PDB file of all heavy atoms in Angstrom:
ATOM      1  N   ARG A   1     -33.285  73.914 280.053  1.00  0.00           N
ATOM      2  CA  ARG A   1     -32.642  72.633 280.363  1.00  0.00           C
ATOM      3  C   ARG A   1     -33.430  71.463 279.791  1.00  0.00           C
ATOM      4  O   ARG A   1     -32.884  70.572 279.171  1.00  0.00           O
ATOM      5  CB  ARG A   1     -32.491  72.464 281.874  1.00  0.00           C
ATOM      6  CG  ARG A   1     -31.405  73.291 282.475  1.00  0.00           C
ATOM      7  CD  ARG A   1     -30.031  72.765 282.008  1.00  0.00           C
ATOM      8  NE  ARG A   1     -29.002  73.614 282.511  1.00  0.00           N
ATOM      9  CZ  ARG A   1     -28.110  73.256 283.406  1.00  0.00           C
ATOM     10  NH1 ARG A   1     -28.097  72.035 283.872  1.00  0.00           N
ATOM     11  NH2 ARG A   1     -27.203  74.104 283.812  1.00  0.00           N
ATOM     12  N   LEU A   2     -34.734  71.472 280.037  1.00  0.00           N
ATOM     13  CA  LEU A   2     -35.551  70.364 279.550  1.00  0.00           C
ATOM     14  C   LEU A   2     -35.643  70.357 278.028  1.00  0.00           C
ATOM     15  O   LEU A   2     -35.638  69.291 277.408  1.00  0.00           O
ATOM     16  CB  LEU A   2     -36.934  70.409 280.192  1.00  0.00           C
ATOM     17  CG  LEU A   2     -36.933  70.063 281.681  1.00  0.00           C
ATOM     18  CD1 LEU A   2     -38.270  70.414 282.323  1.00  0.00           C
ATOM     19  CD2 LEU A   2     -36.586  68.603 281.907  1.00  0.00           C
ATOM     20  N   SER A   3     -35.688  71.531 277.415  1.00  0.00           N
ATOM     21  CA  SER A   3     -35.702  71.610 275.950  1.00  0.00           C
ATOM     22  C   SER A   3     -34.407  71.054 275.368  1.00  0.00           C
ATOM     23  O   SER A   3     -34.426  70.358 274.343  1.00  0.00           O
ATOM     24  CB  SER A   3     -35.901  73.053 275.491  1.00  0.00           C
ATOM     25  OG  SER A   3     -37.178  73.515 275.878  1.00  0.00           O
ATOM     26  N   ARG A   4     -33.283  71.352 276.012  1.00  0.00           N
ATOM     27  CA  ARG A   4     -31.997  70.796 275.580  1.00  0.00           C
ATOM     28  C   ARG A   4     -31.999  69.274 275.640  1.00  0.00           C
ATOM     29  O   ARG A   4     -31.549  68.602 274.725  1.00  0.00           O
ATOM     30  CB  ARG A   4     -30.874  71.337 276.468  1.00  0.00           C
ATOM     31  CG  ARG A   4     -29.946  72.279 275.752  1.00  0.00           C
ATOM     32  CD  ARG A   4     -28.768  72.608 276.648  1.00  0.00           C
ATOM     33  NE  ARG A   4     -28.859  74.020 276.981  1.00  0.00           N
ATOM     34  CZ  ARG A   4     -28.314  74.608 278.007  1.00  0.00           C
ATOM     35  NH1 ARG A   4     -27.610  73.920 278.877  1.00  0.00           N
ATOM     36  NH2 ARG A   4     -28.442  75.893 278.196  1.00  0.00           N
ATOM     37  N   HIS A   5     -32.500  68.753 276.756  1.00  0.00           N
ATOM     38  CA  HIS A   5     -32.576  67.295 276.892  1.00  0.00           C
ATOM     39  C   HIS A   5     -33.489  66.707 275.808  1.00  0.00           C
ATOM     40  O   HIS A   5     -33.176  65.665 275.226  1.00  0.00           O
ATOM     41  CB  HIS A   5     -33.086  66.902 278.275  1.00  0.00           C
ATOM     42  CG  HIS A   5     -32.069  67.037 279.359  1.00  0.00           C
ATOM     43  ND1 HIS A   5     -30.968  66.208 279.457  1.00  0.00           N
ATOM     44  CD2 HIS A   5     -31.984  67.892 280.394  1.00  0.00           C
ATOM     45  CE1 HIS A   5     -30.253  66.552 280.517  1.00  0.00           C
ATOM     46  NE2 HIS A   5     -30.849  67.577 281.105  1.00  0.00           N
ATOM     47  N   ALA A   6     -34.598  67.363 275.526  1.00  0.00           N
ATOM     48  CA  ALA A   6     -35.536  66.870 274.504  1.00  0.00           C
ATOM     49  C   ALA A   6     -34.860  66.814 273.140  1.00  0.00           C
ATOM     50  O   ALA A   6     -35.024  65.839 272.402  1.00  0.00           O
ATOM     51  CB  ALA A   6     -36.780  67.750 274.464  1.00  0.00           C
ATOM     52  N   ARG A   7     -34.098  67.862 272.798  1.00  0.00           N
ATOM     53  CA  ARG A   7     -33.394  67.867 271.506  1.00  0.00           C
ATOM     54  C   ARG A   7     -32.384  66.727 271.431  1.00  0.00           C
ATOM     55  O   ARG A   7     -32.272  66.048 270.409  1.00  0.00           O
ATOM     56  CB  ARG A   7     -32.695  69.211 271.279  1.00  0.00           C
ATOM     57  CG  ARG A   7     -33.638  70.306 270.805  1.00  0.00           C
ATOM     58  CD  ARG A   7     -32.891  71.539 270.317  1.00  0.00           C
ATOM     59  NE  ARG A   7     -32.033  72.133 271.332  1.00  0.00           N
ATOM     60  CZ  ARG A   7     -32.433  72.965 272.284  1.00  0.00           C
ATOM     61  NH1 ARG A   7     -33.703  73.297 272.365  1.00  0.00           N
ATOM     62  NH2 ARG A   7     -31.577  73.469 273.141  1.00  0.00           N
ATOM     63  N   LYS A   8     -31.647  66.505 272.511  1.00  0.00           N
ATOM     64  CA  LYS A   8     -30.663  65.416 272.527  1.00  0.00           C
ATOM     65  C   LYS A   8     -31.344  64.065 272.348  1.00  0.00           C
ATOM     66  O   LYS A   8     -30.864  63.210 271.599  1.00  0.00           O
ATOM     67  CB  LYS A   8     -29.865  65.427 273.831  1.00  0.00           C
ATOM     68  CG  LYS A   8     -28.853  66.534 273.919  1.00  0.00           C
ATOM     69  CD  LYS A   8     -28.105  66.458 275.235  1.00  0.00           C
ATOM     70  CE  LYS A   8     -27.123  67.603 275.348  1.00  0.00           C
ATOM     71  NZ  LYS A   8     -26.398  67.579 276.627  1.00  0.00           N
ATOM     72  N   VAL A   9     -32.453  63.883 273.033  1.00  0.00           N
ATOM     73  CA  VAL A   9     -33.181  62.617 272.947  1.00  0.00           C
ATOM     74  C   VAL A   9     -33.700  62.391 271.527  1.00  0.00           C
ATOM     75  O   VAL A   9     -33.639  61.282 271.003  1.00  0.00           O
ATOM     76  CB  VAL A   9     -34.340  62.589 273.972  1.00  0.00           C
ATOM     77  CG1 VAL A   9     -35.311  61.463 273.688  1.00  0.00           C
ATOM     78  CG2 VAL A   9     -33.782  62.481 275.385  1.00  0.00           C
ATOM     79  N   MET A  10     -34.207  63.444 270.897  1.00  0.00           N
ATOM     80  CA  MET A  10     -34.760  63.335 269.545  1.00  0.00           C
ATOM     81  C   MET A  10     -33.699  62.899 268.534  1.00  0.00           C
ATOM     82  O   MET A  10     -34.018  62.259 267.536  1.00  0.00           O
ATOM     83  CB  MET A  10     -35.376  64.673 269.103  1.00  0.00           C
ATOM     84  CG  MET A  10     -36.584  65.095 269.913  1.00  0.00           C
ATOM     85  SD  MET A  10     -37.967  63.964 269.789  1.00  0.00           S
ATOM     86  CE  MET A  10     -38.575  64.377 268.186  1.00  0.00           C
ATOM     87  N   HIS A  11     -32.455  63.243 268.775  1.00  0.00           N
ATOM     88  CA  HIS A  11     -31.379  62.931 267.831  1.00  0.00           C
ATOM     89  C   HIS A  11     -30.549  61.724 268.239  1.00  0.00           C
ATOM     90  O   HIS A  11     -29.557  61.413 267.587  1.00  0.00           O
ATOM     91  CB  HIS A  11     -30.483  64.159 267.644  1.00  0.00           C
ATOM     92  CG  HIS A  11     -31.204  65.292 266.991  1.00  0.00           C
ATOM     93  ND1 HIS A  11     -31.807  66.293 267.730  1.00  0.00           N
ATOM     94  CD2 HIS A  11     -31.478  65.561 265.700  1.00  0.00           C
ATOM     95  CE1 HIS A  11     -32.393  67.139 266.907  1.00  0.00           C
ATOM     96  NE2 HIS A  11     -32.217  66.718 265.664  1.00  0.00           N
ATOM     97  N   ARG A  12     -30.935  61.074 269.293  1.00  0.00           N
ATOM     98  CA  ARG A  12     -30.183  59.906 269.762  1.00  0.00           C
ATOM     99  C   ARG A  12     -30.593  58.673 268.967  1.00  0.00           C
ATOM    100  O   ARG A  12     -31.758  58.290 268.960  1.00  0.00           O
ATOM    101  CB  ARG A  12     -30.454  59.703 271.249  1.00  0.00           C
ATOM    102  CG  ARG A  12     -29.619  58.667 271.869  1.00  0.00           C
ATOM    103  CD  ARG A  12     -28.732  59.292 272.937  1.00  0.00           C
ATOM    104  NE  ARG A  12     -27.973  58.265 273.577  1.00  0.00           N
ATOM    105  CZ  ARG A  12     -28.051  57.966 274.854  1.00  0.00           C
ATOM    106  NH1 ARG A  12     -28.818  58.674 275.645  1.00  0.00           N
ATOM    107  NH2 ARG A  12     -27.341  56.997 275.344  1.00  0.00           N
ATOM    108  N   VAL A  13     -29.641  58.076 268.288  1.00  0.00           N
ATOM    109  CA  VAL A  13     -29.904  56.895 267.460  1.00  0.00           C
ATOM    110  C   VAL A  13     -30.274  55.715 268.358  1.00  0.00           C
ATOM    111  O   VAL A  13     -29.629  55.461 269.371  1.00  0.00           O
ATOM    112  CB  VAL A  13     -28.658  56.550 266.604  1.00  0.00           C
ATOM    113  CG1 VAL A  13     -28.879  55.269 265.810  1.00  0.00           C
ATOM    114  CG2 VAL A  13     -28.305  57.708 265.687  1.00  0.00           C
ATOM    115  N   GLY A  14     -31.334  55.027 267.971  1.00  0.00           N
ATOM    116  CA  GLY A  14     -31.747  53.837 268.701  1.00  0.00           C
ATOM    117  C   GLY A  14     -32.568  54.105 269.947  1.00  0.00           C
ATOM    118  O   GLY A  14     -32.861  53.175 270.700  1.00  0.00           O
ATOM    119  N   LEU A  15     -32.933  55.350 270.189  1.00  0.00           N
ATOM    120  CA  LEU A  15     -33.739  55.679 271.366  1.00  0.00           C
ATOM    121  C   LEU A  15     -35.056  56.288 270.916  1.00  0.00           C
ATOM    122  O   LEU A  15     -35.084  57.344 270.281  1.00  0.00           O
ATOM    123  CB  LEU A  15     -32.998  56.665 272.279  1.00  0.00           C
ATOM    124  CG  LEU A  15     -33.777  57.168 273.497  1.00  0.00           C
ATOM    125  CD1 LEU A  15     -34.148  56.010 274.433  1.00  0.00           C
ATOM    126  CD2 LEU A  15     -32.981  58.209 274.249  1.00  0.00           C
ATOM    127  N   ASP A  16     -36.143  55.623 271.224  1.00  0.00           N
ATOM    128  CA  ASP A  16     -37.472  56.142 270.921  1.00  0.00           C
ATOM    129  C   ASP A  16     -37.781  57.242 271.935  1.00  0.00           C
ATOM    130  O   ASP A  16     -37.852  56.972 273.141  1.00  0.00           O
ATOM    131  CB  ASP A  16     -38.499  55.018 271.016  1.00  0.00           C
ATOM    132  CG  ASP A  16     -39.922  55.492 270.763  1.00  0.00           C
ATOM    133  OD1 ASP A  16     -40.129  56.684 270.459  1.00  0.00           O
ATOM    134  OD2 ASP A  16     -40.829  54.644 270.884  1.00  0.00           O
ATOM    135  N   PRO A  17     -37.962  58.486 271.484  1.00  0.00           N
ATOM    136  CA  PRO A  17     -38.224  59.596 272.410  1.00  0.00           C
ATOM    137  C   PRO A  17     -39.444  59.374 273.302  1.00  0.00           C
ATOM    138  O   PRO A  17     -39.530  59.935 274.391  1.00  0.00           O
ATOM    139  CB  PRO A  17     -38.448  60.792 271.485  1.00  0.00           C
ATOM    140  CG  PRO A  17     -37.742  60.431 270.225  1.00  0.00           C
ATOM    141  CD  PRO A  17     -37.861  58.942 270.099  1.00  0.00           C
ATOM    142  N   ALA A  18     -40.374  58.534 272.887  1.00  0.00           N
ATOM    143  CA  ALA A  18     -41.568  58.264 273.686  1.00  0.00           C
ATOM    144  C   ALA A  18     -41.226  57.532 274.984  1.00  0.00           C
ATOM    145  O   ALA A  18     -42.033  57.504 275.915  1.00  0.00           O
ATOM    146  CB  ALA A  18     -42.563  57.444 272.879  1.00  0.00           C
ATOM    147  N   ARG A  19     -40.036  56.980 275.070  1.00  0.00           N
ATOM    148  CA  ARG A  19     -39.614  56.261 276.275  1.00  0.00           C
ATOM    149  C   ARG A  19     -39.123  57.185 277.378  1.00  0.00           C
ATOM    150  O   ARG A  19     -38.902  56.752 278.501  1.00  0.00           O
ATOM    151  CB  ARG A  19     -38.508  55.270 275.911  1.00  0.00           C
ATOM    152  CG  ARG A  19     -38.950  54.180 274.954  1.00  0.00           C
ATOM    153  CD  ARG A  19     -37.785  53.329 274.485  1.00  0.00           C
ATOM    154  NE  ARG A  19     -37.053  52.748 275.611  1.00  0.00           N
ATOM    155  CZ  ARG A  19     -35.794  52.327 275.533  1.00  0.00           C
ATOM    156  NH1 ARG A  19     -35.114  52.419 274.401  1.00  0.00           N
ATOM    157  NH2 ARG A  19     -35.200  51.807 276.592  1.00  0.00           N
ATOM    158  N   VAL A  20     -38.912  58.461 277.059  1.00  0.00           N
ATOM    159  CA  VAL A  20     -38.315  59.411 278.004  1.00  0.00           C
ATOM    160  C   VAL A  20     -39.382  60.360 278.551  1.00  0.00           C
ATOM    161  O   VAL A  20     -40.161  60.945 277.797  1.00  0.00           O
ATOM    162  CB  VAL A  20     -37.182  60.219 277.332  1.00  0.00           C
ATOM    163  CG1 VAL A  20     -36.545  61.180 278.328  1.00  0.00           C
ATOM    164  CG2 VAL A  20     -36.142  59.278 276.736  1.00  0.00           C
ATOM    165  N   SER A  21     -39.404  60.507 279.871  1.00  0.00           N
ATOM    166  CA  SER A  21     -40.354  61.412 280.516  1.00  0.00           C
ATOM    167  C   SER A  21     -39.618  62.237 281.579  1.00  0.00           C
ATOM    168  O   SER A  21     -38.444  61.987 281.864  1.00  0.00           O
ATOM    169  CB  SER A  21     -41.506  60.618 281.142  1.00  0.00           C
ATOM    170  OG  SER A  21     -41.018  59.670 282.064  1.00  0.00           O
ATOM    171  N   PHE A  22     -40.316  63.215 282.142  1.00  0.00           N
ATOM    172  CA  PHE A  22     -39.688  64.086 283.136  1.00  0.00           C
ATOM    173  C   PHE A  22     -40.664  64.521 284.204  1.00  0.00           C
ATOM    174  O   PHE A  22     -41.881  64.471 284.033  1.00  0.00           O
ATOM    175  CB  PHE A  22     -39.068  65.318 282.472  1.00  0.00           C
ATOM    176  CG  PHE A  22     -40.084  66.349 282.035  1.00  0.00           C
ATOM    177  CD1 PHE A  22     -40.445  67.400 282.878  1.00  0.00           C
ATOM    178  CD2 PHE A  22     -40.668  66.276 280.780  1.00  0.00           C
ATOM    179  CE1 PHE A  22     -41.378  68.341 282.485  1.00  0.00           C
ATOM    180  CE2 PHE A  22     -41.605  67.217 280.379  1.00  0.00           C
ATOM    181  CZ  PHE A  22     -41.951  68.258 281.222  1.00  0.00           C
ATOM    182  N   LYS A  23     -40.090  64.985 285.311  1.00  0.00           N
ATOM    183  CA  LYS A  23     -40.781  65.705 286.373  1.00  0.00           C
ATOM    184  C   LYS A  23     -39.937  66.946 286.642  1.00  0.00           C
ATOM    185  O   LYS A  23     -38.716  66.877 286.585  1.00  0.00           O
ATOM    186  CB  LYS A  23     -40.855  64.886 287.662  1.00  0.00           C
ATOM    187  CG  LYS A  23     -41.650  63.609 287.579  1.00  0.00           C
ATOM    188  CD  LYS A  23     -41.621  62.894 288.921  1.00  0.00           C
ATOM    189  CE  LYS A  23     -42.357  61.592 288.907  1.00  0.00           C
ATOM    190  NZ  LYS A  23     -42.350  60.939 290.246  1.00  0.00           N
ATOM    191  N   ALA A  24     -40.571  68.056 286.944  1.00  0.00           N
ATOM    192  CA  ALA A  24     -39.834  69.286 287.231  1.00  0.00           C
ATOM    193  C   ALA A  24     -40.513  70.052 288.358  1.00  0.00           C
ATOM    194  O   ALA A  24     -41.744  70.065 288.457  1.00  0.00           O
ATOM    195  CB  ALA A  24     -39.753  70.167 285.985  1.00  0.00           C
ATOM    196  N   VAL A  25     -39.694  70.684 289.189  1.00  0.00           N
ATOM    197  CA  VAL A  25     -40.204  71.478 290.310  1.00  0.00           C
ATOM    198  C   VAL A  25     -39.476  72.815 290.318  1.00  0.00           C
ATOM    199  O   VAL A  25     -38.242  72.860 290.384  1.00  0.00           O
ATOM    200  CB  VAL A  25     -39.967  70.761 291.662  1.00  0.00           C
ATOM    201  CG1 VAL A  25     -40.408  71.647 292.826  1.00  0.00           C
ATOM    202  CG2 VAL A  25     -40.666  69.414 291.706  1.00  0.00           C
ATOM    203  N   ARG A  26     -40.244  73.875 290.241  1.00  0.00           N
ATOM    204  CA  ARG A  26     -39.655  75.206 290.415  1.00  0.00           C
ATOM    205  C   ARG A  26     -39.361  75.390 291.891  1.00  0.00           C
ATOM    206  O   ARG A  26     -40.204  75.089 292.743  1.00  0.00           O
ATOM    207  CB  ARG A  26     -40.617  76.287 289.940  1.00  0.00           C
ATOM    208  CG  ARG A  26     -40.054  77.676 290.141  1.00  0.00           C
ATOM    209  CD  ARG A  26     -40.998  78.733 289.648  1.00  0.00           C
ATOM    210  NE  ARG A  26     -40.424  80.048 289.884  1.00  0.00           N
ATOM    211  CZ  ARG A  26     -41.052  81.177 289.656  1.00  0.00           C
ATOM    212  NH1 ARG A  26     -42.276  81.178 289.182  1.00  0.00           N
ATOM    213  NH2 ARG A  26     -40.461  82.329 289.901  1.00  0.00           N
TER     214      ARG A  26
END
């Protein structure tokens, strides 16, 4: 799930991927 979100963010025009962060809990 997080890898999918990362790929989408990387290809989003006008969005610097460095602005996006996450927290995850198993």
